[in-house]
């Protein structure tokens, strides 16, 4: 099953949560956008949340449900 992709991206001085390129929500703080992204990804598993830096580079990637490559522990 294909994972749904959610992105937390900068939007000027604010932060935006997007899905399939469309804006889902806008937030004043990055952490608020991350929290909204985590909630959306958990509710729509299997999902992937990509958190970007202010310069647009990927800072963190989180996978929820059915991870095809779980780390060995």
PDB file of N, CA and C in Angstrom:
ATOM      1  N   UNK A   1       0.848  -1.176   0.000  1.00  0.00           N
ATOM      2  CA  UNK A   1       0.000   0.000   0.000  1.00  0.00           C
ATOM      3  C   UNK A   1       0.894   1.239   0.000  1.00  0.00           C
ATOM      4  N   UNK A   2       0.558   2.223  -0.776  1.00  0.00           N
ATOM      5  CA  UNK A   2       1.337   3.452  -0.888  1.00  0.00           C
ATOM      6  C   UNK A   2       1.096   4.346   0.318  1.00  0.00           C
ATOM      7  N   UNK A   3       2.198   4.878   0.839  1.00  0.00           N
ATOM      8  CA  UNK A   3       2.084   5.808   1.969  1.00  0.00           C
ATOM      9  C   UNK A   3       1.630   7.172   1.485  1.00  0.00           C
ATOM     10  N   UNK A   4       0.808   7.834   2.299  1.00  0.00           N
ATOM     11  CA  UNK A   4       0.390   9.202   2.024  1.00  0.00           C
ATOM     12  C   UNK A   4       1.478  10.134   2.536  1.00  0.00           C
ATOM     13  N   UNK A   5       1.801  11.177   1.782  1.00  0.00           N
ATOM     14  CA  UNK A   5       2.884  12.077   2.147  1.00  0.00           C
ATOM     15  C   UNK A   5       2.332  13.424   2.623  1.00  0.00           C
ATOM     16  N   UNK A   6       2.811  13.850   3.781  1.00  0.00           N
ATOM     17  CA  UNK A   6       2.458  15.127   4.378  1.00  0.00           C
ATOM     18  C   UNK A   6       3.758  15.917   4.520  1.00  0.00           C
ATOM     19  N   UNK A   7       3.710  17.216   4.273  1.00  0.00           N
ATOM     20  CA  UNK A   7       4.904  18.058   4.373  1.00  0.00           C
ATOM     21  C   UNK A   7       4.633  19.261   5.263  1.00  0.00           C
ATOM     22  N   UNK A   8       5.593  19.570   6.136  1.00  0.00           N
ATOM     23  CA  UNK A   8       5.584  20.819   6.897  1.00  0.00           C
ATOM     24  C   UNK A   8       6.630  21.704   6.221  1.00  0.00           C
ATOM     25  N   UNK A   9       6.163  22.799   5.614  1.00  0.00           N
ATOM     26  CA  UNK A   9       7.035  23.654   4.813  1.00  0.00           C
ATOM     27  C   UNK A   9       6.915  25.112   5.272  1.00  0.00           C
ATOM     28  N   UNK A  10       7.995  25.882   5.067  1.00  0.00           N
ATOM     29  CA  UNK A  10       7.924  27.305   5.426  1.00  0.00           C
ATOM     30  C   UNK A  10       7.001  28.050   4.477  1.00  0.00           C
ATOM     31  N   UNK A  11       6.351  29.077   5.004  1.00  0.00           N
ATOM     32  CA  UNK A  11       5.444  29.916   4.231  1.00  0.00           C
ATOM     33  C   UNK A  11       5.662  31.359   4.689  1.00  0.00           C
ATOM     34  N   UNK A  12       6.748  31.956   4.224  1.00  0.00           N
ATOM     35  CA  UNK A  12       7.108  33.282   4.710  1.00  0.00           C
ATOM     36  C   UNK A  12       7.572  33.169   6.153  1.00  0.00           C
ATOM     37  N   UNK A  13       6.890  33.864   7.051  1.00  0.00           N
ATOM     38  CA  UNK A  13       7.225  33.774   8.482  1.00  0.00           C
ATOM     39  C   UNK A  13       6.374  32.730   9.180  1.00  0.00           C
ATOM     40  N   UNK A  14       5.481  32.074   8.452  1.00  0.00           N
ATOM     41  CA  UNK A  14       4.613  31.053   9.013  1.00  0.00           C
ATOM     42  C   UNK A  14       5.009  29.678   8.486  1.00  0.00           C
ATOM     43  N   UNK A  15       4.218  28.667   8.872  1.00  0.00           N
ATOM     44  CA  UNK A  15       4.458  27.283   8.447  1.00  0.00           C
ATOM     45  C   UNK A  15       3.172  26.710   7.898  1.00  0.00           C
ATOM     46  N   UNK A  16       3.315  25.843   6.900  1.00  0.00           N
ATOM     47  CA  UNK A  16       2.169  25.276   6.200  1.00  0.00           C
ATOM     48  C   UNK A  16       2.260  23.750   6.235  1.00  0.00           C
ATOM     49  N   UNK A  17       1.129  23.097   6.453  1.00  0.00           N
ATOM     50  CA  UNK A  17       1.023  21.650   6.320  1.00  0.00           C
ATOM     51  C   UNK A  17       0.388  21.399   4.967  1.00  0.00           C
ATOM     52  N   UNK A  18       1.053  20.575   4.128  1.00  0.00           N
ATOM     53  CA  UNK A  18       0.520  20.280   2.803  1.00  0.00           C
ATOM     54  C   UNK A  18       0.363  18.773   2.611  1.00  0.00           C
ATOM     55  N   UNK A  19      -0.532  18.419   1.697  1.00  0.00           N
ATOM     56  CA  UNK A  19      -0.744  17.027   1.303  1.00  0.00           C
ATOM     57  C   UNK A  19      -1.026  17.047  -0.193  1.00  0.00           C
ATOM     58  N   UNK A  20      -0.231  16.319  -0.963  1.00  0.00           N
ATOM     59  CA  UNK A  20      -0.355  16.276  -2.419  1.00  0.00           C
ATOM     60  C   UNK A  20      -0.261  17.679  -3.027  1.00  0.00           C
ATOM     61  N   UNK A  21       0.570  18.526  -2.423  1.00  0.00           N
ATOM     62  CA  UNK A  21       0.787  19.870  -2.936  1.00  0.00           C
ATOM     63  C   UNK A  21      -0.261  20.887  -2.539  1.00  0.00           C
ATOM     64  N   UNK A  22      -1.317  20.449  -1.911  1.00  0.00           N
ATOM     65  CA  UNK A  22      -2.391  21.362  -1.503  1.00  0.00           C
ATOM     66  C   UNK A  22      -2.238  21.728  -0.024  1.00  0.00           C
ATOM     67  N   UNK A  23      -2.522  22.968   0.301  1.00  0.00           N
ATOM     68  CA  UNK A  23      -2.439  23.427   1.688  1.00  0.00           C
ATOM     69  C   UNK A  23      -3.550  22.791   2.511  1.00  0.00           C
ATOM     70  N   UNK A  24      -3.158  22.181   3.627  1.00  0.00           N
ATOM     71  CA  UNK A  24      -4.117  21.608   4.561  1.00  0.00           C
ATOM     72  C   UNK A  24      -4.407  22.616   5.667  1.00  0.00           C
ATOM     73  N   UNK A  25      -3.342  23.250   6.196  1.00  0.00           N
ATOM     74  CA  UNK A  25      -3.500  24.249   7.246  1.00  0.00           C
ATOM     75  C   UNK A  25      -2.265  25.142   7.321  1.00  0.00           C
ATOM     76  N   UNK A  26      -2.436  26.351   7.887  1.00  0.00           N
ATOM     77  CA  UNK A  26      -1.355  27.302   8.108  1.00  0.00           C
ATOM     78  C   UNK A  26      -1.197  27.521   9.604  1.00  0.00           C
ATOM     79  N   UNK A  27       0.055  27.727  10.043  1.00  0.00           N
ATOM     80  CA  UNK A  27       0.344  27.868  11.470  1.00  0.00           C
ATOM     81  C   UNK A  27       1.380  28.956  11.699  1.00  0.00           C
ATOM     82  N   UNK A  28       1.268  29.631  12.833  1.00  0.00           N
ATOM     83  CA  UNK A  28       2.232  30.672  13.187  1.00  0.00           C
ATOM     84  C   UNK A  28       3.556  30.069  13.637  1.00  0.00           C
ATOM     85  N   UNK A  29       3.500  28.916  14.289  1.00  0.00           N
ATOM     86  CA  UNK A  29       4.706  28.275  14.827  1.00  0.00           C
ATOM     87  C   UNK A  29       4.960  26.942  14.116  1.00  0.00           C
ATOM     88  N   UNK A  30       6.227  26.626  13.933  1.00  0.00           N
ATOM     89  CA  UNK A  30       6.608  25.381  13.275  1.00  0.00           C
ATOM     90  C   UNK A  30       6.094  24.176  14.061  1.00  0.00           C
ATOM     91  N   UNK A  31       6.219  24.225  15.394  1.00  0.00           N
ATOM     92  CA  UNK A  31       5.788  23.090  16.208  1.00  0.00           C
ATOM     93  C   UNK A  31       4.294  22.825  16.052  1.00  0.00           C
ATOM     94  N   UNK A  32       3.499  23.865  15.905  1.00  0.00           N
ATOM     95  CA  UNK A  32       2.056  23.685  15.697  1.00  0.00           C
ATOM     96  C   UNK A  32       1.791  22.976  14.369  1.00  0.00           C
ATOM     97  N   UNK A  33       2.549  23.322  13.338  1.00  0.00           N
ATOM     98  CA  UNK A  33       2.407  22.655  12.040  1.00  0.00           C
ATOM     99  C   UNK A  33       2.843  21.197  12.137  1.00  0.00           C
ATOM    100  N   UNK A  34       3.926  20.932  12.881  1.00  0.00           N
ATOM    101  CA  UNK A  34       4.386  19.554  13.077  1.00  0.00           C
ATOM    102  C   UNK A  34       3.328  18.749  13.809  1.00  0.00           C
ATOM    103  N   UNK A  35       2.747  19.321  14.864  1.00  0.00           N
ATOM    104  CA  UNK A  35       1.708  18.620  15.631  1.00  0.00           C
ATOM    105  C   UNK A  35       0.508  18.285  14.741  1.00  0.00           C
ATOM    106  N   UNK A  36       0.119  19.217  13.880  1.00  0.00           N
ATOM    107  CA  UNK A  36      -0.990  18.961  12.958  1.00  0.00           C
ATOM    108  C   UNK A  36      -0.609  17.878  11.953  1.00  0.00           C
ATOM    109  N   UNK A  37       0.637  17.889  11.507  1.00  0.00           N
ATOM    110  CA  UNK A  37       1.112  16.873  10.580  1.00  0.00           C
ATOM    111  C   UNK A  37       1.150  15.488  11.194  1.00  0.00           C
ATOM    112  N   UNK A  38       1.601  15.408  12.435  1.00  0.00           N
ATOM    113  CA  UNK A  38       1.633  14.123  13.139  1.00  0.00           C
ATOM    114  C   UNK A  38       0.212  13.580  13.292  1.00  0.00           C
ATOM    115  N   UNK A  39      -0.721  14.440  13.676  1.00  0.00           N
ATOM    116  CA  UNK A  39      -2.111  14.001  13.841  1.00  0.00           C
ATOM    117  C   UNK A  39      -2.689  13.506  12.515  1.00  0.00           C
ATOM    118  N   UNK A  40      -2.427  14.234  11.427  1.00  0.00           N
ATOM    119  CA  UNK A  40      -2.934  13.831  10.112  1.00  0.00           C
ATOM    120  C   UNK A  40      -2.300  12.517   9.662  1.00  0.00           C
ATOM    121  N   UNK A  41      -0.990  12.378   9.860  1.00  0.00           N
ATOM    122  CA  UNK A  41      -0.295  11.157   9.440  1.00  0.00           C
ATOM    123  C   UNK A  41      -0.752   9.942  10.240  1.00  0.00           C
ATOM    124  N   UNK A  42      -0.959  10.116  11.529  1.00  0.00           N
ATOM    125  CA  UNK A  42      -1.425   8.994  12.364  1.00  0.00           C
ATOM    126  C   UNK A  42      -2.846   8.585  11.995  1.00  0.00           C
ATOM    127  N   UNK A  43      -3.668   9.562  11.628  1.00  0.00           N
ATOM    128  CA  UNK A  43      -5.065   9.274  11.293  1.00  0.00           C
ATOM    129  C   UNK A  43      -5.212   8.659   9.900  1.00  0.00           C
ATOM    130  N   UNK A  44      -4.190   8.772   9.064  1.00  0.00           N
ATOM    131  CA  UNK A  44      -4.265   8.295   7.683  1.00  0.00           C
ATOM    132  C   UNK A  44      -3.128   7.340   7.344  1.00  0.00           C
ATOM    133  N   UNK A  45      -2.877   6.377   8.197  1.00  0.00           N
ATOM    134  CA  UNK A  45      -1.776   5.431   7.991  1.00  0.00           C
ATOM    135  C   UNK A  45      -2.058   4.508   6.821  1.00  0.00           C
ATOM    136  N   UNK A  46      -1.063   4.058   6.098  1.00  0.00           N
ATOM    137  CA  UNK A  46       0.351   4.363   6.268  1.00  0.00           C
ATOM    138  C   UNK A  46       0.684   5.737   5.693  1.00  0.00           C
ATOM    139  N   UNK A  47       1.468   6.523   6.436  1.00  0.00           N
ATOM    140  CA  UNK A  47       1.802   7.879   6.037  1.00  0.00           C
ATOM    141  C   UNK A  47       3.253   8.207   6.307  1.00  0.00           C
ATOM    142  N   UNK A  48       3.711   9.260   5.661  1.00  0.00           N
ATOM    143  CA  UNK A  48       5.061   9.771   5.834  1.00  0.00           C
ATOM    144  C   UNK A  48       4.938  11.275   6.065  1.00  0.00           C
ATOM    145  N   UNK A  49       5.624  11.792   7.097  1.00  0.00           N
ATOM    146  CA  UNK A  49       5.643  13.215   7.387  1.00  0.00           C
ATOM    147  C   UNK A  49       7.056  13.727   7.153  1.00  0.00           C
ATOM    148  N   UNK A  50       7.196  14.682   6.240  1.00  0.00           N
ATOM    149  CA  UNK A  50       8.480  15.314   5.969  1.00  0.00           C
ATOM    150  C   UNK A  50       8.455  16.716   6.561  1.00  0.00           C
ATOM    151  N   UNK A  51       9.422  16.993   7.417  1.00  0.00           N
ATOM    152  CA  UNK A  51       9.532  18.296   8.062  1.00  0.00           C
ATOM    153  C   UNK A  51      10.709  19.025   7.430  1.00  0.00           C
ATOM    154  N   UNK A  52      10.443  20.201   6.897  1.00  0.00           N
ATOM    155  CA  UNK A  52      11.455  20.977   6.190  1.00  0.00           C
ATOM    156  C   UNK A  52      12.001  22.099   7.072  1.00  0.00           C
ATOM    157  N   UNK A  53      13.219  22.541   6.769  1.00  0.00           N
ATOM    158  CA  UNK A  53      13.815  23.707   7.425  1.00  0.00           C
ATOM    159  C   UNK A  53      13.311  24.967   6.736  1.00  0.00           C
ATOM    160  N   UNK A  54      13.675  26.108   7.291  1.00  0.00           N
ATOM    161  CA  UNK A  54      13.285  27.393   6.709  1.00  0.00           C
ATOM    162  C   UNK A  54      13.802  27.535   5.276  1.00  0.00           C
ATOM    163  N   UNK A  55      14.979  26.922   4.984  1.00  0.00           N
ATOM    164  CA  UNK A  55      15.539  27.020   3.627  1.00  0.00           C
ATOM    165  C   UNK A  55      14.937  25.988   2.665  1.00  0.00           C
ATOM    166  N   UNK A  56      13.995  25.164   3.140  1.00  0.00           N
ATOM    167  CA  UNK A  56      13.318  24.191   2.291  1.00  0.00           C
ATOM    168  C   UNK A  56      13.920  22.791   2.312  1.00  0.00           C
ATOM    169  N   UNK A  57      15.142  22.651   2.871  1.00  0.00           N
ATOM    170  CA  UNK A  57      15.775  21.334   2.961  1.00  0.00           C
ATOM    171  C   UNK A  57      15.025  20.456   3.970  1.00  0.00           C
ATOM    172  N   UNK A  58      15.047  19.158   3.741  1.00  0.00           N
ATOM    173  CA  UNK A  58      14.373  18.235   4.654  1.00  0.00           C
ATOM    174  C   UNK A  58      15.178  18.110   5.937  1.00  0.00           C
ATOM    175  N   UNK A  59      14.511  18.353   7.056  1.00  0.00           N
ATOM    176  CA  UNK A  59      15.122  18.288   8.380  1.00  0.00           C
ATOM    177  C   UNK A  59      14.881  16.931   9.039  1.00  0.00           C
ATOM    178  N   UNK A  60      13.678  16.388   8.860  1.00  0.00           N
ATOM    179  CA  UNK A  60      13.303  15.146   9.537  1.00  0.00           C
ATOM    180  C   UNK A  60      12.247  14.434   8.712  1.00  0.00           C
ATOM    181  N   UNK A  61      12.230  13.102   8.824  1.00  0.00           N
ATOM    182  CA  UNK A  61      11.226  12.275   8.154  1.00  0.00           C
ATOM    183  C   UNK A  61      10.660  11.302   9.169  1.00  0.00           C
ATOM    184  N   UNK A  62       9.355  11.229   9.243  1.00  0.00           N
ATOM    185  CA  UNK A  62       8.696  10.317  10.188  1.00  0.00           C
ATOM    186  C   UNK A  62       7.714   9.450   9.411  1.00  0.00           C
ATOM    187  N   UNK A  63       7.702   8.162   9.743  1.00  0.00           N
ATOM    188  CA  UNK A  63       6.834   7.207   9.074  1.00  0.00           C
ATOM    189  C   UNK A  63       5.847   6.645  10.094  1.00  0.00           C
ATOM    190  N   UNK A  64       4.586   6.547   9.693  1.00  0.00           N
ATOM    191  CA  UNK A  64       3.535   6.029  10.572  1.00  0.00           C
ATOM    192  C   UNK A  64       2.850   4.863   9.879  1.00  0.00           C
ATOM    193  N   UNK A  65       2.880   3.695  10.531  1.00  0.00           N
ATOM    194  CA  UNK A  65       2.245   2.498   9.998  1.00  0.00           C
ATOM    195  C   UNK A  65       3.018   1.886   8.855  1.00  0.00           C
ATOM    196  N   UNK A  66       2.997   0.604   8.729  1.00  0.00           N
ATOM    197  CA  UNK A  66       3.546  -0.171   7.618  1.00  0.00           C
ATOM    198  C   UNK A  66       4.840   0.401   7.026  1.00  0.00           C
ATOM    199  N   UNK A  67       5.874   0.507   7.847  1.00  0.00           N
ATOM    200  CA  UNK A  67       7.173   0.984   7.368  1.00  0.00           C
ATOM    201  C   UNK A  67       7.836  -0.147   6.598  1.00  0.00           C
ATOM    202  N   UNK A  68       8.108   0.045   5.299  1.00  0.00           N
ATOM    203  CA  UNK A  68       8.671  -1.038   4.494  1.00  0.00           C
ATOM    204  C   UNK A  68      10.132  -1.331   4.820  1.00  0.00           C
ATOM    205  N   UNK A  69      10.791  -0.466   5.571  1.00  0.00           N
ATOM    206  CA  UNK A  69      12.192  -0.672   5.904  1.00  0.00           C
ATOM    207  C   UNK A  69      12.439  -0.352   7.375  1.00  0.00           C
ATOM    208  N   UNK A  70      11.912  -1.164   8.290  1.00  0.00           N
ATOM    209  CA  UNK A  70      12.140  -0.877   9.701  1.00  0.00           C
ATOM    210  C   UNK A  70      13.600  -1.137  10.078  1.00  0.00           C
ATOM    211  N   UNK A  71      14.170  -0.277  10.918  1.00  0.00           N
ATOM    212  CA  UNK A  71      15.554  -0.503  11.336  1.00  0.00           C
ATOM    213  C   UNK A  71      15.673  -1.746  12.201  1.00  0.00           C
ATOM    214  N   UNK A  72      16.794  -2.424  12.081  1.00  0.00           N
ATOM    215  CA  UNK A  72      17.032  -3.601  12.923  1.00  0.00           C
ATOM    216  C   UNK A  72      17.501  -3.129  14.291  1.00  0.00           C
ATOM    217  N   UNK A  73      17.017  -3.774  15.318  1.00  0.00           N
ATOM    218  CA  UNK A  73      17.377  -3.318  16.659  1.00  0.00           C
ATOM    219  C   UNK A  73      17.789  -4.404  17.468  1.00  0.00           C
TER     220      UNK A  73
END
